[in-house]
């Protein structure tokens, strides 16, 4: 259950660093959110994730029945995937779990 993502590591990493996970909106991709994390990249790990579902012209994390009403099973799957990605990231990088 992996995601395509862009990662910016801190310029001067510490033993335990804060982290930010950036998630784009429907029809976008991981490139769209990177500018938001630029000012944080000196201290923070910044992950910008791409949704795993195609949603032209880009991607999405879940689908919707109608505005404001996601498909429950698809949304629950996305939450599980994101939780697993975050937990894996905390184990693979020197990230402070108290500063997510």
N, C-alpha and C. Protein backbone atom coordinates (compact mmCIF):
# COMPACT_ATOMS: atom_id res chain seq x y z
N UNK A 1 0.84 -1.19 0.00
CA UNK A 1 0.00 0.00 0.00
C UNK A 1 0.88 1.25 0.00
N UNK A 2 1.56 1.46 -1.07
CA UNK A 2 2.44 2.61 -1.12
C UNK A 2 1.82 3.73 -1.94
N UNK A 3 2.35 4.90 -1.77
CA UNK A 3 1.93 6.07 -2.52
C UNK A 3 3.13 6.58 -3.31
N UNK A 4 2.85 7.22 -4.42
CA UNK A 4 3.86 8.02 -5.09
C UNK A 4 3.93 9.31 -4.29
N UNK A 5 5.15 9.78 -4.03
CA UNK A 5 5.28 10.98 -3.21
C UNK A 5 6.59 11.69 -3.51
N UNK A 6 6.64 12.94 -3.10
CA UNK A 6 7.86 13.73 -3.10
C UNK A 6 8.23 13.94 -1.63
N UNK A 7 9.52 13.84 -1.35
CA UNK A 7 10.00 14.00 0.03
C UNK A 7 11.06 15.08 0.07
N UNK A 8 10.87 16.01 0.98
CA UNK A 8 11.91 17.00 1.29
C UNK A 8 12.38 16.72 2.70
N UNK A 9 13.69 16.49 2.80
CA UNK A 9 14.29 16.22 4.11
C UNK A 9 14.81 17.52 4.69
N UNK A 10 14.91 17.60 6.01
CA UNK A 10 15.42 18.82 6.64
C UNK A 10 16.85 19.10 6.19
N UNK A 11 17.17 20.38 6.05
CA UNK A 11 18.51 20.77 5.65
C UNK A 11 19.54 20.33 6.69
N UNK A 12 19.16 20.41 7.95
CA UNK A 12 20.04 19.97 9.04
C UNK A 12 19.24 19.02 9.93
N UNK A 13 19.15 17.74 9.54
CA UNK A 13 18.32 16.82 10.32
C UNK A 13 18.81 16.62 11.75
N UNK A 14 17.86 16.45 12.64
CA UNK A 14 18.14 16.17 14.05
C UNK A 14 17.87 14.69 14.29
N UNK A 15 18.03 14.26 15.54
CA UNK A 15 17.71 12.87 15.88
C UNK A 15 16.23 12.56 15.69
N UNK A 16 15.39 13.52 16.00
CA UNK A 16 13.94 13.38 15.84
C UNK A 16 13.40 14.70 15.29
N UNK A 17 12.86 14.64 14.08
CA UNK A 17 12.40 15.82 13.37
C UNK A 17 10.89 15.86 13.28
N UNK A 18 10.31 17.06 13.23
CA UNK A 18 8.87 17.15 12.97
C UNK A 18 8.60 16.78 11.50
N UNK A 19 7.35 16.45 11.20
CA UNK A 19 6.98 16.04 9.85
C UNK A 19 5.64 16.64 9.47
N UNK A 20 5.47 16.90 8.18
CA UNK A 20 4.20 17.34 7.62
C UNK A 20 3.88 16.44 6.44
N UNK A 21 2.65 15.96 6.39
CA UNK A 21 2.17 15.17 5.26
C UNK A 21 1.18 16.04 4.50
N UNK A 22 1.47 16.33 3.24
CA UNK A 22 0.62 17.18 2.41
C UNK A 22 -0.23 16.32 1.48
N UNK A 23 -1.53 16.57 1.47
CA UNK A 23 -2.47 15.82 0.63
C UNK A 23 -3.18 16.80 -0.29
N UNK A 24 -3.16 16.52 -1.57
CA UNK A 24 -3.79 17.40 -2.56
C UNK A 24 -5.29 17.15 -2.65
N UNK A 25 -5.96 18.02 -3.37
CA UNK A 25 -7.39 17.87 -3.62
C UNK A 25 -7.67 16.95 -4.80
N UNK A 26 -8.94 16.71 -5.07
CA UNK A 26 -9.35 15.82 -6.16
C UNK A 26 -8.91 16.40 -7.51
N UNK A 27 -8.32 15.51 -8.32
CA UNK A 27 -7.91 15.91 -9.66
C UNK A 27 -6.55 16.56 -9.73
N UNK A 28 -5.79 16.51 -8.66
CA UNK A 28 -4.46 17.12 -8.63
C UNK A 28 -3.41 16.04 -8.43
N UNK A 29 -2.21 16.44 -7.98
CA UNK A 29 -1.15 15.47 -7.73
C UNK A 29 -0.18 15.99 -6.67
N UNK A 30 0.86 15.22 -6.40
CA UNK A 30 1.81 15.54 -5.34
C UNK A 30 2.60 16.81 -5.62
N UNK A 31 2.74 17.20 -6.88
CA UNK A 31 3.49 18.42 -7.22
C UNK A 31 2.75 19.68 -6.74
N UNK A 32 1.44 19.60 -6.68
CA UNK A 32 0.59 20.75 -6.38
C UNK A 32 0.83 21.33 -4.99
N UNK A 33 1.23 20.49 -4.05
CA UNK A 33 1.33 20.94 -2.67
C UNK A 33 2.75 21.28 -2.22
N UNK A 34 3.75 20.98 -3.03
CA UNK A 34 5.14 21.15 -2.60
C UNK A 34 5.48 22.57 -2.17
N UNK A 35 4.94 23.56 -2.84
CA UNK A 35 5.27 24.95 -2.50
C UNK A 35 4.86 25.28 -1.06
N UNK A 36 3.80 24.63 -0.56
CA UNK A 36 3.36 24.89 0.81
C UNK A 36 4.39 24.43 1.84
N UNK A 37 5.21 23.44 1.49
CA UNK A 37 6.18 22.92 2.43
C UNK A 37 7.56 23.51 2.32
N UNK A 38 7.77 24.42 1.38
CA UNK A 38 9.12 24.97 1.16
C UNK A 38 9.70 25.64 2.40
N UNK A 39 8.92 26.44 3.08
CA UNK A 39 9.43 27.17 4.24
C UNK A 39 9.68 26.26 5.44
N UNK A 40 9.14 25.07 5.41
CA UNK A 40 9.32 24.14 6.52
C UNK A 40 10.51 23.22 6.31
N UNK A 41 11.02 23.14 5.10
CA UNK A 41 11.99 22.10 4.77
C UNK A 41 13.35 22.27 5.45
N UNK A 42 13.60 23.37 6.13
CA UNK A 42 14.88 23.48 6.86
C UNK A 42 14.85 22.65 8.14
N UNK A 43 13.66 22.46 8.76
CA UNK A 43 13.54 21.70 10.01
C UNK A 43 12.70 20.44 9.89
N UNK A 44 11.77 20.43 8.95
CA UNK A 44 10.76 19.38 8.86
C UNK A 44 11.05 18.39 7.74
N UNK A 45 10.59 17.17 7.93
CA UNK A 45 10.41 16.26 6.81
C UNK A 45 9.07 16.66 6.20
N UNK A 46 9.03 16.79 4.89
CA UNK A 46 7.79 17.17 4.20
C UNK A 46 7.50 16.12 3.14
N UNK A 47 6.41 15.39 3.32
CA UNK A 47 5.95 14.40 2.35
C UNK A 47 4.76 14.99 1.60
N UNK A 48 4.82 14.99 0.30
CA UNK A 48 3.69 15.40 -0.52
C UNK A 48 3.23 14.16 -1.28
N UNK A 49 2.07 13.66 -0.93
CA UNK A 49 1.58 12.38 -1.47
C UNK A 49 0.63 12.57 -2.64
N UNK A 50 0.68 11.61 -3.57
CA UNK A 50 -0.26 11.55 -4.69
C UNK A 50 -1.36 10.56 -4.33
N UNK A 51 -2.59 10.95 -4.54
CA UNK A 51 -3.70 10.03 -4.34
C UNK A 51 -3.51 8.79 -5.20
N UNK A 52 -4.01 7.66 -4.74
CA UNK A 52 -3.80 6.39 -5.41
C UNK A 52 -4.86 6.08 -6.47
N UNK A 53 -5.88 6.92 -6.59
CA UNK A 53 -6.95 6.68 -7.56
C UNK A 53 -6.88 7.70 -8.70
N UNK A 54 -6.92 7.25 -9.95
CA UNK A 54 -6.97 8.21 -11.06
C UNK A 54 -8.25 9.04 -10.99
N UNK A 55 -8.11 10.33 -11.16
CA UNK A 55 -9.25 11.26 -11.16
C UNK A 55 -8.85 12.42 -12.08
N UNK A 56 -9.07 12.27 -13.39
CA UNK A 56 -8.59 13.26 -14.36
C UNK A 56 -8.96 14.68 -13.98
N UNK A 57 -8.02 15.59 -14.12
CA UNK A 57 -6.73 15.44 -14.80
C UNK A 57 -5.61 14.93 -13.90
N UNK A 58 -5.91 14.50 -12.70
CA UNK A 58 -4.88 14.03 -11.77
C UNK A 58 -5.32 12.80 -11.01
N UNK A 59 -5.32 12.92 -9.68
CA UNK A 59 -5.58 11.77 -8.81
C UNK A 59 -6.45 12.19 -7.63
N UNK A 60 -6.91 11.18 -6.89
CA UNK A 60 -7.72 11.42 -5.69
C UNK A 60 -7.41 10.33 -4.67
N UNK A 61 -7.81 10.57 -3.45
CA UNK A 61 -7.65 9.59 -2.37
C UNK A 61 -8.93 8.77 -2.18
N UNK A 62 -10.06 9.34 -2.61
CA UNK A 62 -11.35 8.67 -2.47
C UNK A 62 -12.29 9.19 -3.54
N UNK A 63 -13.42 8.55 -3.68
CA UNK A 63 -14.45 8.97 -4.64
C UNK A 63 -15.67 9.46 -3.86
N UNK A 64 -16.56 10.15 -4.56
CA UNK A 64 -17.74 10.70 -3.89
C UNK A 64 -19.02 10.29 -4.60
N UNK A 65 -20.05 10.08 -3.80
CA UNK A 65 -21.39 9.82 -4.34
C UNK A 65 -21.98 11.14 -4.84
N UNK A 66 -21.79 12.16 -4.04
CA UNK A 66 -22.22 13.52 -4.37
C UNK A 66 -21.38 14.46 -3.52
N UNK A 67 -21.49 15.74 -3.78
CA UNK A 67 -20.67 16.73 -3.07
C UNK A 67 -20.79 16.54 -1.56
N UNK A 68 -19.64 16.36 -0.89
CA UNK A 68 -19.61 16.22 0.55
C UNK A 68 -19.97 14.84 1.07
N UNK A 69 -20.16 13.88 0.16
CA UNK A 69 -20.56 12.54 0.60
C UNK A 69 -19.66 11.50 -0.08
N UNK A 70 -18.52 11.15 0.57
CA UNK A 70 -17.63 10.16 -0.03
C UNK A 70 -18.21 8.76 0.02
N UNK A 71 -17.77 7.92 -0.93
CA UNK A 71 -18.11 6.49 -0.86
C UNK A 71 -17.41 5.93 0.38
N UNK A 72 -18.19 5.42 1.31
CA UNK A 72 -17.67 5.02 2.62
C UNK A 72 -16.52 4.02 2.51
N UNK A 73 -16.69 2.95 1.74
CA UNK A 73 -15.65 1.91 1.66
C UNK A 73 -14.36 2.44 1.04
N UNK A 74 -14.49 3.27 0.03
CA UNK A 74 -13.30 3.84 -0.63
C UNK A 74 -12.59 4.80 0.32
N UNK A 75 -13.37 5.59 1.05
CA UNK A 75 -12.79 6.52 2.02
C UNK A 75 -12.08 5.76 3.14
N UNK A 76 -12.71 4.71 3.65
CA UNK A 76 -12.10 3.91 4.72
C UNK A 76 -10.80 3.27 4.24
N UNK A 77 -10.79 2.80 2.99
CA UNK A 77 -9.56 2.23 2.41
C UNK A 77 -8.46 3.29 2.33
N UNK A 78 -8.81 4.48 1.92
CA UNK A 78 -7.83 5.57 1.83
C UNK A 78 -7.25 5.89 3.21
N UNK A 79 -8.09 5.92 4.22
CA UNK A 79 -7.62 6.21 5.58
C UNK A 79 -6.67 5.12 6.05
N UNK A 80 -6.97 3.88 5.74
CA UNK A 80 -6.10 2.77 6.12
C UNK A 80 -4.75 2.89 5.41
N UNK A 81 -4.79 3.18 4.12
CA UNK A 81 -3.55 3.34 3.34
C UNK A 81 -2.70 4.50 3.88
N UNK A 82 -3.35 5.63 4.16
CA UNK A 82 -2.63 6.79 4.67
C UNK A 82 -2.04 6.52 6.05
N UNK A 83 -2.80 5.87 6.91
CA UNK A 83 -2.30 5.52 8.24
C UNK A 83 -1.08 4.62 8.14
N UNK A 84 -1.15 3.63 7.27
CA UNK A 84 -0.01 2.73 7.08
C UNK A 84 1.21 3.47 6.52
N UNK A 85 0.98 4.37 5.58
CA UNK A 85 2.09 5.15 5.02
C UNK A 85 2.75 6.00 6.09
N UNK A 86 1.94 6.65 6.91
CA UNK A 86 2.49 7.51 7.97
C UNK A 86 3.27 6.67 8.97
N UNK A 87 2.72 5.55 9.39
CA UNK A 87 3.42 4.68 10.34
C UNK A 87 4.74 4.18 9.76
N UNK A 88 4.74 3.76 8.49
CA UNK A 88 5.98 3.32 7.83
C UNK A 88 7.00 4.44 7.78
N UNK A 89 6.54 5.66 7.47
CA UNK A 89 7.44 6.81 7.40
C UNK A 89 8.08 7.10 8.75
N UNK A 90 7.30 6.97 9.82
CA UNK A 90 7.83 7.21 11.17
C UNK A 90 8.90 6.18 11.52
N UNK A 91 8.77 4.98 10.98
CA UNK A 91 9.75 3.93 11.25
C UNK A 91 11.00 4.02 10.38
N UNK A 92 10.88 4.61 9.21
CA UNK A 92 11.99 4.66 8.25
C UNK A 92 12.84 5.92 8.35
N UNK A 93 12.33 6.95 8.98
CA UNK A 93 13.01 8.25 9.03
C UNK A 93 13.10 8.72 10.49
N UNK A 94 14.07 9.56 10.79
CA UNK A 94 14.19 10.08 12.17
C UNK A 94 13.14 11.17 12.45
N UNK A 95 11.90 10.72 12.60
CA UNK A 95 10.77 11.63 12.81
C UNK A 95 10.28 11.50 14.24
N UNK A 96 9.97 12.64 14.82
CA UNK A 96 9.42 12.69 16.17
C UNK A 96 7.92 12.40 16.09
N UNK A 97 7.47 11.27 16.62
CA UNK A 97 6.04 10.93 16.53
C UNK A 97 5.12 11.88 17.28
N UNK A 98 5.70 12.72 18.13
CA UNK A 98 4.90 13.72 18.85
C UNK A 98 4.70 14.98 18.03
N UNK A 99 5.35 15.07 16.87
CA UNK A 99 5.26 16.28 16.02
C UNK A 99 4.93 15.90 14.58
N UNK A 100 3.77 15.27 14.43
CA UNK A 100 3.27 14.89 13.11
C UNK A 100 2.18 15.86 12.72
